[in-house]
Amino acid sequence: MADIIDDSSILPVATPEGPAPQPMLPSSTPMGPPDGPGSDELEEFGVEARSQWRMILGRFLRHRVAMIALIVLILITLVSFFGPRFYPWSFDELSPDLSQGPSLDHWMGTDELGKDLFAKVMRGAQKSLQVGLLVAVLATFVGVVMGALAGYYRGVLDSILMRVTDLFLVIPALAVLLVVSNRFRGQSGNWFAIAMVITAFAWMYQARLTRSEFLSLREREYVEAARAVGASDRRIMLRHMLPNSIGSIIVNATLTIAAAILTESALSFLGFGVAPPDTSLGRLVSDGVQAARTRPWLFYFPGLWLVAILLCVNFVGDGLRDAFDPKQERVRA
């Protein structure tokens, strides 16, 4: 009966011409170039690799409305903070020109005490922008911390933090702001205390947004891989999850600036905001309401300055939202 010969048992035999040929073994490394063009081929064809941040910046720069708003906002900020150094009048300086309309000497006119309105508008914009930026930074920090902890750990901690967030959401913020702000009413330099009060009711939306981002990111493959190699929770959240949710955080922080400025203006309009002799845009609008018919410059110039800031901040936030959207194929212009 013929023997069944296994081909795998046949060993190479040496020949007089040379050594025995070695058998071909399967290799774990794929031979030849991988499917698709490599980096060298991309450079050969003139294709430049672009990072995610460069693509985001490119989409934002192509958003014409956002770019125009950003330029106007920068100009307003520069004029508000550096203009008083070159303008001849101070916001609390009295002049003999009482209730004078706009002129070359007083660009936006004067009030009934002879104070230059343009100097007061620059001072008011300073305080409004300071309040908006401070509230945005603090509210974003508190909201990101609470949302990140709730979204990453879930369970009991998530329930506790979200119930606290829901409690602050159902509280009538404006009524509480009026009551608390009354405690600091009339105190010089009370804008910082007002910013703290507004911050207490401005972090909740950021917390909910960050929690939803972390809930979706914690199940991603790169997070599971980092957890498998022994990375700590803090490293996973700071190095892997936070950078991937920074887009929505920045957009919400931008919109928080506008909301804080509007809230401070409402408090100042009602008489609970920045106390004299200092001022803010909301207080200037409130002071000019009674004179809107007889001396319209006292009402319209501060109001237009405030509206311009709010519109610019919202347009910039809209451009950032479109730029950070990975599904955005064409930026609105």
C-alpha atoms as a PDB file:
ATOM      1  CA  MET A   1       0.000   0.000   0.000  1.00  0.00           C
ATOM      2  CA  ALA A   2       1.496   3.336  -1.091  1.00  0.00           C
ATOM      3  CA  ASP A   3       2.636   5.588   1.734  1.00  0.00           C
ATOM      4  CA  ILE A   4       0.960   8.942   2.060  1.00  0.00           C
ATOM      5  CA  ILE A   5       3.690  11.552   1.944  1.00  0.00           C
ATOM      6  CA  ASP A   6       3.224  14.828   3.749  1.00  0.00           C
ATOM      7  CA  ASP A   7       4.740  17.624   1.702  1.00  0.00           C
ATOM      8  CA  SER A   8       5.454  19.642   4.801  1.00  0.00           C
ATOM      9  CA  SER A   9       7.855  16.914   6.011  1.00  0.00           C
ATOM     10  CA  ILE A  10      10.059  17.144   2.965  1.00  0.00           C
ATOM     11  CA  LEU A  11      13.301  18.885   3.926  1.00  0.00           C
ATOM     12  CA  PRO A  12      15.557  20.631   1.445  1.00  0.00           C
ATOM     13  CA  VAL A  13      18.488  18.493   0.267  1.00  0.00           C
ATOM     14  CA  ALA A  14      21.952  19.911  -0.390  1.00  0.00           C
ATOM     15  CA  THR A  15      23.184  19.651  -3.950  1.00  0.00           C
ATOM     16  CA  PRO A  16      26.691  19.787  -5.373  1.00  0.00           C
ATOM     17  CA  GLU A  17      25.934  23.209  -6.848  1.00  0.00           C
ATOM     18  CA  GLY A  18      25.405  24.865  -3.486  1.00  0.00           C
ATOM     19  CA  PRO A  19      23.622  24.812  -0.145  1.00  0.00           C
ATOM     20  CA  ALA A  20      20.088  23.706   0.193  1.00  0.00           C
ATOM     21  CA  PRO A  21      17.495  26.368  -0.531  1.00  0.00           C
ATOM     22  CA  GLN A  22      15.637  27.608   2.525  1.00  0.00           C
ATOM     23  CA  PRO A  23      11.864  27.118   2.640  1.00  0.00           C
ATOM     24  CA  MET A  24       9.629  30.176   2.330  1.00  0.00           C
ATOM     25  CA  LEU A  25       8.090  31.100   5.672  1.00  0.00           C
ATOM     26  CA  PRO A  26       5.026  33.311   6.053  1.00  0.00           C
ATOM     27  CA  SER A  27       5.924  36.808   7.198  1.00  0.00           C
ATOM     28  CA  SER A  28       3.893  38.857   9.668  1.00  0.00           C
ATOM     29  CA  THR A  29       4.962  42.053   7.936  1.00  0.00           C
ATOM     30  CA  PRO A  30       3.029  42.817   4.775  1.00  0.00           C
ATOM     31  CA  MET A  31       5.241  42.947   1.718  1.00  0.00           C
ATOM     32  CA  GLY A  32       5.122  45.854  -0.629  1.00  0.00           C
ATOM     33  CA  PRO A  33       3.504  49.261  -0.162  1.00  0.00           C
ATOM     34  CA  PRO A  34       0.168  49.417   1.693  1.00  0.00           C
ATOM     35  CA  ASP A  35      -3.052  50.160  -0.054  1.00  0.00           C
ATOM     36  CA  GLY A  36      -3.421  53.866  -0.800  1.00  0.00           C
ATOM     37  CA  PRO A  37      -0.791  56.552  -1.159  1.00  0.00           C
ATOM     38  CA  GLY A  38       1.879  56.906   1.485  1.00  0.00           C
ATOM     39  CA  SER A  39       3.309  60.068   2.904  1.00  0.00           C
ATOM     40  CA  ASP A  40       6.100  60.122   0.316  1.00  0.00           C
ATOM     41  CA  GLU A  41       3.598  59.744  -2.491  1.00  0.00           C
ATOM     42  CA  LEU A  42       1.436  62.535  -1.037  1.00  0.00           C
ATOM     43  CA  GLU A  43       4.451  64.844  -0.991  1.00  0.00           C
ATOM     44  CA  GLU A  44       5.302  63.792  -4.544  1.00  0.00           C
ATOM     45  CA  PHE A  45       1.841  64.820  -5.732  1.00  0.00           C
ATOM     46  CA  GLY A  46       2.007  68.097  -3.773  1.00  0.00           C
ATOM     47  CA  VAL A  47      -0.675  67.161  -1.221  1.00  0.00           C
ATOM     48  CA  GLU A  48       0.041  68.730   2.171  1.00  0.00           C
ATOM     49  CA  ALA A  49      -1.125  66.890   5.271  1.00  0.00           C
ATOM     50  CA  ARG A  50      -3.301  69.155   7.419  1.00  0.00           C
ATOM     51  CA  SER A  51      -3.976  68.837  11.118  1.00  0.00           C
ATOM     52  CA  GLN A  52      -7.425  69.094  12.622  1.00  0.00           C
ATOM     53  CA  TRP A  53      -6.698  72.518  14.131  1.00  0.00           C
ATOM     54  CA  ARG A  54      -5.540  73.864  10.758  1.00  0.00           C
ATOM     55  CA  MET A  55      -8.755  72.683   9.141  1.00  0.00           C
ATOM     56  CA  ILE A  56     -10.802  74.297  11.930  1.00  0.00           C
ATOM     57  CA  LEU A  57      -8.892  77.549  11.498  1.00  0.00           C
ATOM     58  CA  GLY A  58      -9.399  77.426   7.747  1.00  0.00           C
ATOM     59  CA  ARG A  59     -13.159  76.945   8.099  1.00  0.00           C
ATOM     60  CA  PHE A  60     -13.348  79.819  10.574  1.00  0.00           C
ATOM     61  CA  LEU A  61     -11.319  82.152   8.351  1.00  0.00           C
ATOM     62  CA  ARG A  62     -13.673  81.418   5.446  1.00  0.00           C
ATOM     63  CA  HIS A  63     -16.687  82.433   7.548  1.00  0.00           C
ATOM     64  CA  ARG A  64     -16.887  86.063   6.407  1.00  0.00           C
ATOM     65  CA  VAL A  65     -19.537  87.202   8.887  1.00  0.00           C
ATOM     66  CA  ALA A  66     -17.603  85.766  11.835  1.00  0.00           C
ATOM     67  CA  MET A  67     -14.346  87.317  10.647  1.00  0.00           C
ATOM     68  CA  ILE A  68     -15.937  90.755  10.238  1.00  0.00           C
ATOM     69  CA  ALA A  69     -17.528  90.437  13.688  1.00  0.00           C
ATOM     70  CA  LEU A  70     -14.199  89.396  15.208  1.00  0.00           C
ATOM     71  CA  ILE A  71     -12.424  92.402  13.687  1.00  0.00           C
ATOM     72  CA  VAL A  72     -15.133  94.787  14.924  1.00  0.00           C
ATOM     73  CA  LEU A  73     -15.062  93.205  18.397  1.00  0.00           C
ATOM     74  CA  ILE A  74     -11.275  93.568  18.589  1.00  0.00           C
ATOM     75  CA  LEU A  75     -11.531  97.225  17.542  1.00  0.00           C
ATOM     76  CA  ILE A  76     -14.231  97.913  20.137  1.00  0.00           C
ATOM     77  CA  THR A  77     -12.137  96.230  22.835  1.00  0.00           C
ATOM     78  CA  LEU A  78      -8.993  98.164  21.897  1.00  0.00           C
ATOM     79  CA  VAL A  79     -10.851 101.475  21.810  1.00  0.00           C
ATOM     80  CA  SER A  80     -12.539 100.760  25.150  1.00  0.00           C
ATOM     81  CA  PHE A  81      -9.361  99.826  27.024  1.00  0.00           C
ATOM     82  CA  PHE A  82      -6.717 101.980  25.320  1.00  0.00           C
ATOM     83  CA  GLY A  83      -8.802 104.890  24.033  1.00  0.00           C
ATOM     84  CA  PRO A  84      -9.005 106.684  27.410  1.00  0.00           C
ATOM     85  CA  ARG A  85      -5.206 107.075  27.382  1.00  0.00           C
ATOM     86  CA  PHE A  86      -5.380 109.256  24.296  1.00  0.00           C
ATOM     87  CA  TYR A  87      -8.823 110.847  24.635  1.00  0.00           C
ATOM     88  CA  PRO A  88      -8.643 114.322  26.230  1.00  0.00           C
ATOM     89  CA  TRP A  89     -11.620 113.795  28.567  1.00  0.00           C
ATOM     90  CA  SER A  90     -12.004 111.433  31.505  1.00  0.00           C
ATOM     91  CA  PHE A  91     -15.272 109.645  32.277  1.00  0.00           C
ATOM     92  CA  ASP A  92     -15.680 111.485  35.614  1.00  0.00           C
ATOM     93  CA  GLU A  93     -14.337 114.858  34.487  1.00  0.00           C
ATOM     94  CA  LEU A  94     -16.723 117.834  34.402  1.00  0.00           C
ATOM     95  CA  SER A  95     -16.732 120.359  31.585  1.00  0.00           C
ATOM     96  CA  PRO A  96     -18.559 123.678  31.121  1.00  0.00           C
ATOM     97  CA  ASP A  97     -20.464 122.222  28.146  1.00  0.00           C
ATOM     98  CA  LEU A  98     -23.739 120.976  29.633  1.00  0.00           C
ATOM     99  CA  SER A  99     -26.015 118.722  27.577  1.00  0.00           C
ATOM    100  CA  GLN A 100     -24.111 119.454  24.401  1.00  0.00           C
ATOM    101  CA  GLY A 101     -24.625 117.352  21.287  1.00  0.00           C
ATOM    102  CA  PRO A 102     -21.846 115.497  19.418  1.00  0.00           C
ATOM    103  CA  SER A 103     -19.030 117.790  18.306  1.00  0.00           C
ATOM    104  CA  LEU A 104     -15.325 117.736  17.555  1.00  0.00           C
ATOM    105  CA  ASP A 105     -14.583 118.475  21.182  1.00  0.00           C
ATOM    106  CA  HIS A 106     -17.055 115.925  22.578  1.00  0.00           C
ATOM    107  CA  TRP A 107     -17.465 113.112  20.038  1.00  0.00           C
ATOM    108  CA  MET A 108     -20.688 111.735  21.544  1.00  0.00           C
ATOM    109  CA  GLY A 109     -21.823 114.852  23.349  1.00  0.00           C
ATOM    110  CA  THR A 110     -22.131 115.494  27.064  1.00  0.00           C
ATOM    111  CA  ASP A 111     -24.697 114.845  29.773  1.00  0.00           C
ATOM    112  CA  GLU A 112     -26.460 117.291  32.066  1.00  0.00           C
ATOM    113  CA  LEU A 113     -23.369 117.508  34.317  1.00  0.00           C
ATOM    114  CA  GLY A 114     -20.975 118.185  31.458  1.00  0.00           C
ATOM    115  CA  LYS A 115     -19.355 114.728  31.497  1.00  0.00           C
ATOM    116  CA  ASP A 116     -18.120 113.508  28.134  1.00  0.00           C
ATOM    117  CA  LEU A 117     -20.336 110.660  26.895  1.00  0.00           C
ATOM    118  CA  PHE A 118     -17.698 108.964  24.742  1.00  0.00           C
ATOM    119  CA  ALA A 119     -15.373 108.708  27.753  1.00  0.00           C
ATOM    120  CA  LYS A 120     -18.235 107.236  29.789  1.00  0.00           C
ATOM    121  CA  VAL A 121     -19.073 104.758  27.010  1.00  0.00           C
ATOM    122  CA  MET A 122     -15.465 103.560  26.908  1.00  0.00           C
ATOM    123  CA  ARG A 123     -15.463 103.163  30.695  1.00  0.00           C
ATOM    124  CA  GLY A 124     -18.809 101.354  30.614  1.00  0.00           C
ATOM    125  CA  ALA A 125     -17.613  98.982  27.882  1.00  0.00           C
ATOM    126  CA  GLN A 126     -14.562  98.164  30.000  1.00  0.00           C
ATOM    127  CA  LYS A 127     -16.706  97.051  32.929  1.00  0.00           C
ATOM    128  CA  SER A 128     -19.181  95.153  30.761  1.00  0.00           C
ATOM    129  CA  LEU A 129     -16.380  93.268  28.972  1.00  0.00           C
ATOM    130  CA  GLN A 130     -14.605  92.553  32.254  1.00  0.00           C
ATOM    131  CA  VAL A 131     -17.764  91.108  33.750  1.00  0.00           C
ATOM    132  CA  GLY A 132     -18.463  89.042  30.616  1.00  0.00           C
ATOM    133  CA  LEU A 133     -14.959  87.593  30.375  1.00  0.00           C
ATOM    134  CA  LEU A 134     -14.708  86.826  34.102  1.00  0.00           C
ATOM    135  CA  VAL A 135     -18.094  85.106  34.146  1.00  0.00           C
ATOM    136  CA  ALA A 136     -17.248  83.106  31.014  1.00  0.00           C
ATOM    137  CA  VAL A 137     -13.936  81.859  32.451  1.00  0.00           C
ATOM    138  CA  LEU A 138     -15.292  80.914  35.880  1.00  0.00           C
ATOM    139  CA  ALA A 139     -18.578  79.438  34.640  1.00  0.00           C
ATOM    140  CA  THR A 140     -16.766  77.391  31.990  1.00  0.00           C
ATOM    141  CA  PHE A 141     -14.288  76.044  34.531  1.00  0.00           C
ATOM    142  CA  VAL A 142     -16.987  75.046  37.036  1.00  0.00           C
ATOM    143  CA  GLY A 143     -19.227  73.583  34.344  1.00  0.00           C
ATOM    144  CA  VAL A 144     -16.450  71.567  32.697  1.00  0.00           C
ATOM    145  CA  VAL A 145     -15.273  70.115  36.011  1.00  0.00           C
ATOM    146  CA  MET A 146     -18.752  69.077  37.133  1.00  0.00           C
ATOM    147  CA  GLY A 147     -19.787  67.797  33.703  1.00  0.00           C
ATOM    148  CA  ALA A 148     -16.557  65.851  33.215  1.00  0.00           C
ATOM    149  CA  LEU A 149     -16.811  64.136  36.592  1.00  0.00           C
ATOM    150  CA  ALA A 150     -20.481  63.292  36.077  1.00  0.00           C
ATOM    151  CA  GLY A 151     -19.994  61.993  32.529  1.00  0.00           C
ATOM    152  CA  TYR A 152     -16.886  59.940  33.225  1.00  0.00           C
ATOM    153  CA  TYR A 153     -17.744  58.274  36.540  1.00  0.00           C
ATOM    154  CA  ARG A 154     -21.543  58.127  36.107  1.00  0.00           C
ATOM    155  CA  GLY A 155     -23.405  56.253  38.833  1.00  0.00           C
ATOM    156  CA  VAL A 156     -24.050  57.943  42.167  1.00  0.00           C
ATOM    157  CA  LEU A 157     -21.708  60.873  41.498  1.00  0.00           C
ATOM    158  CA  ASP A 158     -23.478  61.602  38.230  1.00  0.00           C
ATOM    159  CA  SER A 159     -26.862  61.578  39.940  1.00  0.00           C
ATOM    160  CA  ILE A 160     -25.740  63.933  42.712  1.00  0.00           C
ATOM    161  CA  LEU A 161     -24.050  66.451  40.411  1.00  0.00           C
ATOM    162  CA  MET A 162     -26.895  66.504  37.901  1.00  0.00           C
ATOM    163  CA  ARG A 163     -29.529  66.952  40.603  1.00  0.00           C
ATOM    164  CA  VAL A 164     -27.571  69.963  41.885  1.00  0.00           C
ATOM    165  CA  THR A 165     -27.455  71.271  38.313  1.00  0.00           C
ATOM    166  CA  ASP A 166     -31.204  70.773  37.913  1.00  0.00           C
ATOM    167  CA  LEU A 167     -31.792  72.621  41.173  1.00  0.00           C
ATOM    168  CA  PHE A 168     -29.938  75.689  39.912  1.00  0.00           C
ATOM    169  CA  LEU A 169     -31.768  75.489  36.581  1.00  0.00           C
ATOM    170  CA  VAL A 170     -35.224  75.724  38.139  1.00  0.00           C
ATOM    171  CA  ILE A 171     -34.330  78.677  40.393  1.00  0.00           C
ATOM    172  CA  PRO A 172     -35.524  82.016  38.908  1.00  0.00           C
ATOM    173  CA  ALA A 173     -32.071  83.448  38.264  1.00  0.00           C
ATOM    174  CA  LEU A 174     -33.049  87.077  37.667  1.00  0.00           C
ATOM    175  CA  ALA A 175     -35.040  87.308  40.913  1.00  0.00           C
ATOM    176  CA  VAL A 176     -32.172  85.842  42.929  1.00  0.00           C
ATOM    177  CA  LEU A 177     -29.689  88.113  41.160  1.00  0.00           C
ATOM    178  CA  LEU A 178     -31.733  91.161  42.091  1.00  0.00           C
ATOM    179  CA  VAL A 179     -31.942  90.122  45.741  1.00  0.00           C
ATOM    180  CA  VAL A 180     -28.256  89.218  46.065  1.00  0.00           C
ATOM    181  CA  SER A 181     -27.048  92.215  44.054  1.00  0.00           C
ATOM    182  CA  ASN A 182     -28.963  94.499  46.405  1.00  0.00           C
ATOM    183  CA  ARG A 183     -26.468  93.473  49.091  1.00  0.00           C
ATOM    184  CA  PHE A 184     -23.661  95.117  47.078  1.00  0.00           C
ATOM    185  CA  ARG A 185     -25.744  98.003  45.790  1.00  0.00           C
ATOM    186  CA  GLY A 186     -24.009 101.359  46.011  1.00  0.00           C
ATOM    187  CA  GLN A 187     -20.594  99.897  46.837  1.00  0.00           C
ATOM    188  CA  SER A 188     -17.716 101.215  44.745  1.00  0.00           C
ATOM    189  CA  GLY A 189     -15.983  98.529  42.694  1.00  0.00           C
ATOM    190  CA  ASN A 190     -18.873  96.101  43.073  1.00  0.00           C
ATOM    191  CA  TRP A 191     -18.518  94.789  39.513  1.00  0.00           C
ATOM    192  CA  PHE A 192     -16.452  91.836  40.770  1.00  0.00           C
ATOM    193  CA  ALA A 193     -19.164  90.825  43.242  1.00  0.00           C
ATOM    194  CA  ILE A 194     -21.767  91.123  40.485  1.00  0.00           C
ATOM    195  CA  ALA A 195     -19.652  88.871  38.262  1.00  0.00           C
ATOM    196  CA  MET A 196     -19.498  86.268  41.041  1.00  0.00           C
ATOM    197  CA  VAL A 197     -23.265  86.367  41.458  1.00  0.00           C
ATOM    198  CA  ILE A 198     -23.846  85.939  37.704  1.00  0.00           C
ATOM    199  CA  THR A 199     -21.330  83.063  37.629  1.00  0.00           C
ATOM    200  CA  ALA A 200     -23.387  81.195  40.217  1.00  0.00           C
ATOM    201  CA  PHE A 201     -26.213  80.920  37.653  1.00  0.00           C
ATOM    202  CA  ALA A 202     -24.186  80.587  34.433  1.00  0.00           C
ATOM    203  CA  TRP A 203     -22.350  77.246  34.720  1.00  0.00           C
ATOM    204  CA  MET A 204     -25.254  74.789  34.423  1.00  0.00           C
ATOM    205  CA  TYR A 205     -25.533  74.632  30.626  1.00  0.00           C
ATOM    206  CA  GLN A 206     -21.783  74.105  30.314  1.00  0.00           C
ATOM    207  CA  ALA A 207     -21.995  71.262  32.829  1.00  0.00           C
ATOM    208  CA  ARG A 208     -24.764  69.494  30.932  1.00  0.00           C
ATOM    209  CA  LEU A 209     -22.985  69.962  27.615  1.00  0.00           C
ATOM    210  CA  THR A 210     -19.684  68.611  28.950  1.00  0.00           C
ATOM    211  CA  ARG A 211     -21.429  65.655  30.575  1.00  0.00           C
ATOM    212  CA  SER A 212     -23.046  64.631  27.297  1.00  0.00           C
ATOM    213  CA  GLU A 213     -19.690  64.907  25.505  1.00  0.00           C
ATOM    214  CA  PHE A 214     -17.904  62.767  28.091  1.00  0.00           C
ATOM    215  CA  LEU A 215     -20.675  60.163  28.105  1.00  0.00           C
ATOM    216  CA  SER A 216     -20.145  59.590  24.386  1.00  0.00           C
ATOM    217  CA  LEU A 217     -16.344  59.796  24.499  1.00  0.00           C
ATOM    218  CA  ARG A 218     -15.806  57.380  27.393  1.00  0.00           C
ATOM    219  CA  GLU A 219     -16.905  54.454  25.196  1.00  0.00           C
ATOM    220  CA  ARG A 220     -14.516  55.246  22.331  1.00  0.00           C
ATOM    221  CA  GLU A 221     -11.753  52.821  21.378  1.00  0.00           C
ATOM    222  CA  TYR A 222      -8.863  55.128  22.264  1.00  0.00           C
ATOM    223  CA  VAL A 223     -10.279  55.648  25.765  1.00  0.00           C
ATOM    224  CA  GLU A 224     -10.627  51.890  26.247  1.00  0.00           C
ATOM    225  CA  ALA A 225      -7.053  51.431  25.000  1.00  0.00           C
ATOM    226  CA  ALA A 226      -5.722  54.070  27.395  1.00  0.00           C
ATOM    227  CA  ARG A 227      -7.579  52.428  30.264  1.00  0.00           C
ATOM    228  CA  ALA A 228      -6.211  49.011  29.249  1.00  0.00           C
ATOM    229  CA  VAL A 229      -2.584  50.149  29.395  1.00  0.00           C
ATOM    230  CA  GLY A 230      -3.097  51.491  32.914  1.00  0.00           C
ATOM    231  CA  ALA A 231      -3.579  55.226  32.338  1.00  0.00           C
ATOM    232  CA  SER A 232      -5.060  57.057  35.318  1.00  0.00           C
ATOM    233  CA  ASP A 233      -8.519  58.588  35.206  1.00  0.00           C
ATOM    234  CA  ARG A 234      -7.083  62.098  35.369  1.00  0.00           C
ATOM    235  CA  ARG A 235      -4.775  61.439  32.423  1.00  0.00           C
ATOM    236  CA  ILE A 236      -7.592  59.924  30.374  1.00  0.00           C
ATOM    237  CA  MET A 237      -9.858  62.894  31.006  1.00  0.00           C
ATOM    238  CA  LEU A 238      -7.225  65.592  30.471  1.00  0.00           C
ATOM    239  CA  ARG A 239      -5.186  64.081  27.645  1.00  0.00           C
ATOM    240  CA  HIS A 240      -7.759  62.097  25.677  1.00  0.00           C
ATOM    241  CA  MET A 241     -11.326  63.216  26.391  1.00  0.00           C
ATOM    242  CA  LEU A 242     -11.040  66.941  27.096  1.00  0.00           C
ATOM    243  CA  PRO A 243      -9.182  67.805  23.832  1.00  0.00           C
ATOM    244  CA  ASN A 244     -11.882  66.000  21.838  1.00  0.00           C
ATOM    245  CA  SER A 245     -14.661  68.015  23.474  1.00  0.00           C
ATOM    246  CA  ILE A 246     -12.891  71.391  23.441  1.00  0.00           C
ATOM    247  CA  GLY A 247     -14.860  72.577  20.401  1.00  0.00           C
ATOM    248  CA  SER A 248     -18.250  72.628  22.076  1.00  0.00           C
ATOM    249  CA  ILE A 249     -16.709  74.032  25.264  1.00  0.00           C
ATOM    250  CA  ILE A 250     -15.175  76.998  23.435  1.00  0.00           C
ATOM    251  CA  VAL A 251     -18.384  77.745  21.547  1.00  0.00           C
ATOM    252  CA  ASN A 252     -20.477  77.691  24.726  1.00  0.00           C
ATOM    253  CA  ALA A 253     -17.914  79.850  26.558  1.00  0.00           C
ATOM    254  CA  THR A 254     -18.133  82.432  23.759  1.00  0.00           C
ATOM    255  CA  LEU A 255     -21.903  82.598  24.048  1.00  0.00           C
ATOM    256  CA  THR A 256     -21.611  82.841  27.843  1.00  0.00           C
ATOM    257  CA  ILE A 257     -19.762  86.139  27.408  1.00  0.00           C
ATOM    258  CA  ALA A 258     -22.732  87.643  25.580  1.00  0.00           C
ATOM    259  CA  ALA A 259     -25.198  86.247  28.127  1.00  0.00           C
ATOM    260  CA  ALA A 260     -23.176  87.645  31.046  1.00  0.00           C
ATOM    261  CA  ILE A 261     -22.899  91.105  29.454  1.00  0.00           C
ATOM    262  CA  LEU A 262     -26.634  91.122  28.801  1.00  0.00           C
ATOM    263  CA  THR A 263     -27.403  90.024  32.371  1.00  0.00           C
ATOM    264  CA  GLU A 264     -25.130  92.699  33.843  1.00  0.00           C
ATOM    265  CA  SER A 265     -26.743  95.292  31.588  1.00  0.00           C
ATOM    266  CA  ALA A 266     -30.189  94.237  32.789  1.00  0.00           C
ATOM    267  CA  LEU A 267     -29.101  94.532  36.429  1.00  0.00           C
ATOM    268  CA  SER A 268     -27.559  97.952  35.795  1.00  0.00           C
ATOM    269  CA  PHE A 269     -30.676  99.058  33.925  1.00  0.00           C
ATOM    270  CA  LEU A 270     -32.734  98.140  36.984  1.00  0.00           C
ATOM    271  CA  GLY A 271     -30.316  99.971  39.273  1.00  0.00           C
ATOM    272  CA  PHE A 272     -28.625  96.918  40.806  1.00  0.00           C
ATOM    273  CA  GLY A 273     -25.486  96.834  38.675  1.00  0.00           C
ATOM    274  CA  VAL A 274     -22.218  98.740  38.711  1.00  0.00           C
ATOM    275  CA  ALA A 275     -22.462 101.553  41.252  1.00  0.00           C
ATOM    276  CA  PRO A 276     -21.537 105.206  40.640  1.00  0.00           C
ATOM    277  CA  PRO A 277     -19.144 106.908  40.225  1.00  0.00           C
ATOM    278  CA  ASP A 278     -18.217 103.954  38.022  1.00  0.00           C
ATOM    279  CA  THR A 279     -20.503 102.963  35.184  1.00  0.00           C
ATOM    280  CA  SER A 280     -21.399 100.295  32.658  1.00  0.00           C
ATOM    281  CA  LEU A 281     -23.213 100.225  29.344  1.00  0.00           C
ATOM    282  CA  GLY A 282     -26.421  99.071  30.980  1.00  0.00           C
ATOM    283  CA  ARG A 283     -26.342 101.945  33.466  1.00  0.00           C
ATOM    284  CA  LEU A 284     -25.656 104.448  30.677  1.00  0.00           C
ATOM    285  CA  VAL A 285     -28.655 103.145  28.739  1.00  0.00           C
ATOM    286  CA  SER A 286     -30.759 103.372  31.888  1.00  0.00           C
ATOM    287  CA  ASP A 287     -29.639 106.950  32.541  1.00  0.00           C
ATOM    288  CA  GLY A 288     -30.384 107.958  28.939  1.00  0.00           C
ATOM    289  CA  VAL A 289     -33.924 106.563  28.768  1.00  0.00           C
ATOM    290  CA  GLN A 290     -35.531 109.660  30.236  1.00  0.00           C
ATOM    291  CA  ALA A 291     -33.613 111.898  27.825  1.00  0.00           C
ATOM    292  CA  ALA A 292     -34.184 109.771  24.709  1.00  0.00           C
ATOM    293  CA  ARG A 293     -36.518 112.372  23.175  1.00  0.00           C
ATOM    294  CA  THR A 294     -34.741 115.613  24.100  1.00  0.00           C
ATOM    295  CA  ARG A 295     -31.098 114.406  24.108  1.00  0.00           C
ATOM    296  CA  PRO A 296     -31.115 111.209  22.048  1.00  0.00           C
ATOM    297  CA  TRP A 297     -27.334 110.839  22.012  1.00  0.00           C
ATOM    298  CA  LEU A 298     -27.405 109.924  25.708  1.00  0.00           C
ATOM    299  CA  PHE A 299     -29.505 106.857  24.947  1.00  0.00           C
ATOM    300  CA  TYR A 300     -28.623 105.719  21.446  1.00  0.00           C
ATOM    301  CA  PHE A 301     -24.819 105.844  21.550  1.00  0.00           C
ATOM    302  CA  PRO A 302     -24.441 103.578  24.630  1.00  0.00           C
ATOM    303  CA  GLY A 303     -27.236 101.344  23.299  1.00  0.00           C
ATOM    304  CA  LEU A 304     -25.581 100.962  19.905  1.00  0.00           C
ATOM    305  CA  TRP A 305     -22.217 100.233  21.543  1.00  0.00           C
ATOM    306  CA  LEU A 306     -23.835  97.518  23.665  1.00  0.00           C
ATOM    307  CA  VAL A 307     -25.733  95.999  20.723  1.00  0.00           C
ATOM    308  CA  ALA A 308     -22.560  95.976  18.619  1.00  0.00           C
ATOM    309  CA  ILE A 309     -20.670  94.012  21.302  1.00  0.00           C
ATOM    310  CA  LEU A 310     -23.457  91.466  21.738  1.00  0.00           C
ATOM    311  CA  LEU A 311     -23.918  90.938  17.991  1.00  0.00           C
ATOM    312  CA  CYS A 312     -20.196  90.528  17.402  1.00  0.00           C
ATOM    313  CA  VAL A 313     -19.832  87.977  20.205  1.00  0.00           C
ATOM    314  CA  ASN A 314     -22.797  85.968  18.899  1.00  0.00           C
ATOM    315  CA  PHE A 315     -21.529  86.045  15.299  1.00  0.00           C
ATOM    316  CA  VAL A 316     -18.084  84.885  16.431  1.00  0.00           C
ATOM    317  CA  GLY A 317     -19.709  82.073  18.393  1.00  0.00           C
ATOM    318  CA  ASP A 318     -21.718  81.082  15.334  1.00  0.00           C
ATOM    319  CA  GLY A 319     -18.541  80.967  13.245  1.00  0.00           C
ATOM    320  CA  LEU A 320     -16.756  78.863  15.851  1.00  0.00           C
ATOM    321  CA  ARG A 321     -19.664  76.418  15.959  1.00  0.00           C
ATOM    322  CA  ASP A 322     -19.502  75.964  12.182  1.00  0.00           C
ATOM    323  CA  ALA A 323     -15.706  75.655  12.242  1.00  0.00           C
ATOM    324  CA  PHE A 324     -15.659  72.962  14.939  1.00  0.00           C
ATOM    325  CA  ASP A 325     -18.430  70.945  13.262  1.00  0.00           C
ATOM    326  CA  PRO A 326     -16.665  67.997  11.542  1.00  0.00           C
ATOM    327  CA  LYS A 327     -19.703  67.377   9.352  1.00  0.00           C
ATOM    328  CA  GLN A 328     -19.694  70.930   8.038  1.00  0.00           C
ATOM    329  CA  GLU A 329     -19.048  70.765   4.301  1.00  0.00           C
ATOM    330  CA  ARG A 330     -19.612  74.356   3.398  1.00  0.00           C
ATOM    331  CA  VAL A 331     -19.309  77.263   5.756  1.00  0.00           C
ATOM    332  CA  ARG A 332     -22.172  79.682   5.629  1.00  0.00           C
ATOM    333  CA  ALA A 333     -21.161  83.115   4.499  1.00  0.00           C
END
